[in-house]
Amino acid sequence: MSDTTRKYLETSQIIPSKGMSYTMYEIEGQDTILRMLTFIPDNDEIHIYPKPPVKKLYKPELCKKVEENEFLGLWSMGEERKVGK
């Protein structure tokens, strides 16, 4: 196990006709994105990105911190839904 700490951050925005969208990031070091997911609760949508299109988080200080178990719980739900398709 490495001694590199991971943190979990979130940004949110309104998507017209869908409601609030929350994007969560699993971060290593200062701003390296390992995984990310998007969650739209009003539509019950979860999209997971095991290989995120963006590798560095811009302005991580503007993000809200989230708990690891919240990220991992949504990630698991996203994986289960992918398998079911």
N, C-alpha and C. Protein backbone atom coordinates (compact mmCIF):
# COMPACT_ATOMS: atom_id res chain seq x y z
N MET A 1 0.85 -1.19 0.00
CA MET A 1 0.00 0.00 0.00
C MET A 1 0.89 1.24 0.00
N SER A 2 0.61 2.16 -0.88
CA SER A 2 1.44 3.36 -0.95
C SER A 2 1.00 4.34 0.14
N ASP A 3 1.88 5.27 0.46
CA ASP A 3 1.54 6.26 1.48
C ASP A 3 0.91 7.52 0.87
N THR A 4 0.63 7.45 -0.43
CA THR A 4 0.00 8.58 -1.10
C THR A 4 -1.46 8.66 -0.68
N THR A 5 -1.85 9.81 -0.22
CA THR A 5 -3.22 9.95 0.24
C THR A 5 -4.13 10.31 -0.92
N ARG A 6 -5.33 9.79 -0.84
CA ARG A 6 -6.34 10.09 -1.83
C ARG A 6 -7.39 10.97 -1.19
N LYS A 7 -7.96 11.82 -2.00
CA LYS A 7 -9.05 12.64 -1.51
C LYS A 7 -10.16 12.62 -2.54
N TYR A 8 -11.32 13.01 -2.11
CA TYR A 8 -12.51 12.95 -2.95
C TYR A 8 -13.15 14.32 -2.97
N LEU A 9 -13.31 14.85 -4.18
CA LEU A 9 -13.83 16.20 -4.36
C LEU A 9 -15.03 16.19 -5.29
N GLU A 10 -15.82 17.25 -5.22
CA GLU A 10 -17.07 17.31 -6.00
C GLU A 10 -17.28 18.72 -6.54
N THR A 11 -17.80 18.76 -7.76
CA THR A 11 -18.30 20.00 -8.33
C THR A 11 -19.74 19.76 -8.71
N SER A 12 -20.52 20.83 -8.83
CA SER A 12 -21.92 20.66 -9.22
C SER A 12 -22.32 21.76 -10.19
N GLN A 13 -23.30 21.44 -11.01
CA GLN A 13 -23.85 22.41 -11.95
C GLN A 13 -25.25 21.99 -12.33
N ILE A 14 -26.03 22.94 -12.78
CA ILE A 14 -27.39 22.64 -13.22
C ILE A 14 -27.35 22.26 -14.69
N ILE A 15 -28.05 21.19 -15.02
CA ILE A 15 -28.20 20.79 -16.42
C ILE A 15 -29.67 21.00 -16.79
N PRO A 16 -29.94 21.86 -17.76
CA PRO A 16 -31.34 22.12 -18.13
C PRO A 16 -32.09 20.83 -18.43
N SER A 17 -33.27 20.74 -17.93
CA SER A 17 -34.20 19.60 -18.08
C SER A 17 -33.77 18.33 -17.36
N LYS A 18 -32.62 18.34 -16.69
CA LYS A 18 -32.18 17.16 -15.94
C LYS A 18 -32.01 17.44 -14.45
N GLY A 19 -31.77 18.68 -14.08
CA GLY A 19 -31.57 19.02 -12.68
C GLY A 19 -30.10 19.18 -12.34
N MET A 20 -29.78 19.03 -11.07
CA MET A 20 -28.40 19.19 -10.62
C MET A 20 -27.56 17.98 -11.03
N SER A 21 -26.34 18.29 -11.46
CA SER A 21 -25.38 17.26 -11.82
C SER A 21 -24.18 17.41 -10.90
N TYR A 22 -23.76 16.30 -10.30
CA TYR A 22 -22.61 16.30 -9.40
C TYR A 22 -21.50 15.47 -10.02
N THR A 23 -20.33 16.06 -10.18
CA THR A 23 -19.18 15.33 -10.68
C THR A 23 -18.22 15.15 -9.52
N MET A 24 -17.87 13.89 -9.25
CA MET A 24 -16.97 13.57 -8.15
C MET A 24 -15.67 13.02 -8.70
N TYR A 25 -14.59 13.38 -8.02
CA TYR A 25 -13.25 13.01 -8.47
C TYR A 25 -12.52 12.27 -7.36
N GLU A 26 -11.80 11.21 -7.74
CA GLU A 26 -10.87 10.55 -6.84
C GLU A 26 -9.50 11.14 -7.18
N ILE A 27 -8.91 11.85 -6.23
CA ILE A 27 -7.69 12.61 -6.48
C ILE A 27 -6.52 12.01 -5.72
N GLU A 28 -5.37 11.96 -6.41
CA GLU A 28 -4.13 11.55 -5.77
C GLU A 28 -3.19 12.74 -5.81
N GLY A 29 -2.49 13.00 -4.71
CA GLY A 29 -1.60 14.15 -4.67
C GLY A 29 -2.41 15.44 -4.65
N GLN A 30 -1.90 16.46 -5.31
CA GLN A 30 -2.58 17.75 -5.33
C GLN A 30 -3.80 17.77 -6.25
N ASP A 31 -3.63 17.24 -7.48
CA ASP A 31 -4.69 17.44 -8.47
C ASP A 31 -4.76 16.37 -9.57
N THR A 32 -4.15 15.19 -9.30
CA THR A 32 -4.17 14.13 -10.31
C THR A 32 -5.46 13.31 -10.18
N ILE A 33 -6.25 13.29 -11.25
CA ILE A 33 -7.53 12.57 -11.23
C ILE A 33 -7.30 11.11 -11.57
N LEU A 34 -7.67 10.22 -10.64
CA LEU A 34 -7.56 8.78 -10.88
C LEU A 34 -8.83 8.24 -11.53
N ARG A 35 -9.98 8.62 -10.95
CA ARG A 35 -11.29 8.20 -11.48
C ARG A 35 -12.26 9.35 -11.26
N MET A 36 -13.31 9.37 -12.07
CA MET A 36 -14.34 10.37 -11.85
C MET A 36 -15.70 9.77 -12.20
N LEU A 37 -16.74 10.38 -11.64
CA LEU A 37 -18.10 9.94 -11.95
C LEU A 37 -19.01 11.15 -11.97
N THR A 38 -20.11 11.02 -12.68
CA THR A 38 -21.14 12.06 -12.72
C THR A 38 -22.43 11.43 -12.23
N PHE A 39 -23.11 12.13 -11.35
CA PHE A 39 -24.35 11.64 -10.74
C PHE A 39 -25.43 12.72 -10.90
N ILE A 40 -26.56 12.33 -11.49
CA ILE A 40 -27.70 13.23 -11.65
C ILE A 40 -28.87 12.59 -10.90
N PRO A 41 -29.05 12.97 -9.62
CA PRO A 41 -30.06 12.29 -8.79
C PRO A 41 -31.49 12.38 -9.31
N ASP A 42 -31.88 13.52 -9.88
CA ASP A 42 -33.26 13.67 -10.35
C ASP A 42 -33.60 12.68 -11.47
N ASN A 43 -32.61 12.29 -12.25
CA ASN A 43 -32.82 11.32 -13.34
C ASN A 43 -32.28 9.94 -12.98
N ASP A 44 -31.73 9.80 -11.77
CA ASP A 44 -31.12 8.55 -11.32
C ASP A 44 -30.07 8.06 -12.32
N GLU A 45 -29.23 8.99 -12.79
CA GLU A 45 -28.16 8.66 -13.74
C GLU A 45 -26.82 8.66 -13.04
N ILE A 46 -26.01 7.64 -13.33
CA ILE A 46 -24.62 7.60 -12.86
C ILE A 46 -23.76 7.22 -14.06
N HIS A 47 -22.74 8.02 -14.30
CA HIS A 47 -21.78 7.72 -15.37
C HIS A 47 -20.41 7.63 -14.72
N ILE A 48 -19.72 6.52 -14.92
CA ILE A 48 -18.40 6.35 -14.32
C ILE A 48 -17.32 6.42 -15.40
N TYR A 49 -16.18 6.97 -15.00
CA TYR A 49 -15.05 7.14 -15.92
C TYR A 49 -13.80 6.57 -15.27
N PRO A 50 -13.54 5.25 -15.49
CA PRO A 50 -12.35 4.64 -14.90
C PRO A 50 -11.06 5.22 -15.48
N LYS A 51 -11.14 5.69 -16.74
CA LYS A 51 -10.00 6.37 -17.37
C LYS A 51 -10.49 7.76 -17.76
N PRO A 52 -10.45 8.69 -16.81
CA PRO A 52 -11.04 10.00 -17.06
C PRO A 52 -10.40 10.74 -18.23
N PRO A 53 -11.22 11.47 -18.98
CA PRO A 53 -10.70 12.22 -20.12
C PRO A 53 -9.77 13.36 -19.70
N VAL A 54 -9.91 13.81 -18.46
CA VAL A 54 -9.06 14.88 -17.92
C VAL A 54 -8.20 14.26 -16.82
N LYS A 55 -6.92 14.55 -16.82
CA LYS A 55 -6.01 13.95 -15.84
C LYS A 55 -5.67 14.86 -14.67
N LYS A 56 -5.84 16.16 -14.85
CA LYS A 56 -5.53 17.13 -13.79
C LYS A 56 -6.79 17.93 -13.48
N LEU A 57 -7.08 18.09 -12.19
CA LEU A 57 -8.23 18.85 -11.77
C LEU A 57 -7.85 20.33 -11.70
N TYR A 58 -8.60 21.14 -12.43
CA TYR A 58 -8.37 22.58 -12.44
C TYR A 58 -8.99 23.21 -11.20
N LYS A 59 -8.21 23.96 -10.46
CA LYS A 59 -8.68 24.66 -9.25
C LYS A 59 -9.35 23.74 -8.23
N PRO A 60 -8.64 22.72 -7.74
CA PRO A 60 -9.24 21.81 -6.74
C PRO A 60 -9.71 22.55 -5.49
N GLU A 61 -9.14 23.72 -5.21
CA GLU A 61 -9.54 24.48 -4.01
C GLU A 61 -10.98 24.99 -4.11
N LEU A 62 -11.55 25.01 -5.31
CA LEU A 62 -12.94 25.44 -5.48
C LEU A 62 -13.95 24.30 -5.32
N CYS A 63 -13.45 23.07 -5.18
CA CYS A 63 -14.32 21.91 -5.07
C CYS A 63 -14.73 21.67 -3.61
N LYS A 64 -15.84 20.99 -3.47
CA LYS A 64 -16.32 20.58 -2.15
C LYS A 64 -15.74 19.20 -1.84
N LYS A 65 -15.35 18.98 -0.59
CA LYS A 65 -14.85 17.66 -0.19
C LYS A 65 -16.04 16.72 0.03
N VAL A 66 -15.87 15.47 -0.39
CA VAL A 66 -16.89 14.45 -0.12
C VAL A 66 -16.20 13.27 0.56
N GLU A 67 -17.00 12.45 1.21
CA GLU A 67 -16.46 11.29 1.91
C GLU A 67 -16.11 10.19 0.90
N GLU A 68 -15.07 9.45 1.23
CA GLU A 68 -14.64 8.34 0.37
C GLU A 68 -15.78 7.35 0.16
N ASN A 69 -16.54 7.04 1.22
CA ASN A 69 -17.60 6.03 1.08
C ASN A 69 -18.73 6.51 0.17
N GLU A 70 -18.95 7.82 0.09
CA GLU A 70 -19.97 8.35 -0.83
C GLU A 70 -19.54 8.12 -2.28
N PHE A 71 -18.27 8.43 -2.57
CA PHE A 71 -17.74 8.21 -3.92
C PHE A 71 -17.78 6.72 -4.27
N LEU A 72 -17.26 5.89 -3.36
CA LEU A 72 -17.18 4.44 -3.64
C LEU A 72 -18.55 3.81 -3.77
N GLY A 73 -19.53 4.28 -3.00
CA GLY A 73 -20.89 3.75 -3.10
C GLY A 73 -21.50 4.05 -4.46
N LEU A 74 -21.36 5.29 -4.92
CA LEU A 74 -21.88 5.65 -6.24
C LEU A 74 -21.11 4.92 -7.34
N TRP A 75 -19.80 4.77 -7.17
CA TRP A 75 -18.98 4.06 -8.16
C TRP A 75 -19.47 2.61 -8.31
N SER A 76 -19.73 1.96 -7.18
CA SER A 76 -20.23 0.57 -7.21
C SER A 76 -21.58 0.49 -7.94
N MET A 77 -22.47 1.44 -7.63
CA MET A 77 -23.77 1.45 -8.32
C MET A 77 -23.58 1.64 -9.82
N GLY A 78 -22.67 2.53 -10.21
CA GLY A 78 -22.39 2.75 -11.63
C GLY A 78 -21.86 1.51 -12.31
N GLU A 79 -20.97 0.78 -11.62
CA GLU A 79 -20.41 -0.46 -12.18
C GLU A 79 -21.51 -1.51 -12.34
N GLU A 80 -22.37 -1.64 -11.34
CA GLU A 80 -23.44 -2.64 -11.40
C GLU A 80 -24.39 -2.34 -12.56
N ARG A 81 -24.70 -1.10 -12.77
CA ARG A 81 -25.60 -0.73 -13.87
C ARG A 81 -24.97 -0.98 -15.21
N LYS A 82 -23.66 -0.78 -15.32
CA LYS A 82 -22.96 -1.04 -16.59
C LYS A 82 -23.03 -2.54 -16.93
N VAL A 83 -22.82 -3.37 -15.92
CA VAL A 83 -22.85 -4.82 -16.11
C VAL A 83 -24.24 -5.27 -16.55
N GLY A 84 -25.26 -4.63 -15.99
CA GLY A 84 -26.64 -5.00 -16.29
C GLY A 84 -27.09 -4.66 -17.70
N LYS A 85 -26.32 -3.81 -18.40
CA LYS A 85 -26.73 -3.40 -19.75
C LYS A 85 -26.32 -4.39 -20.80
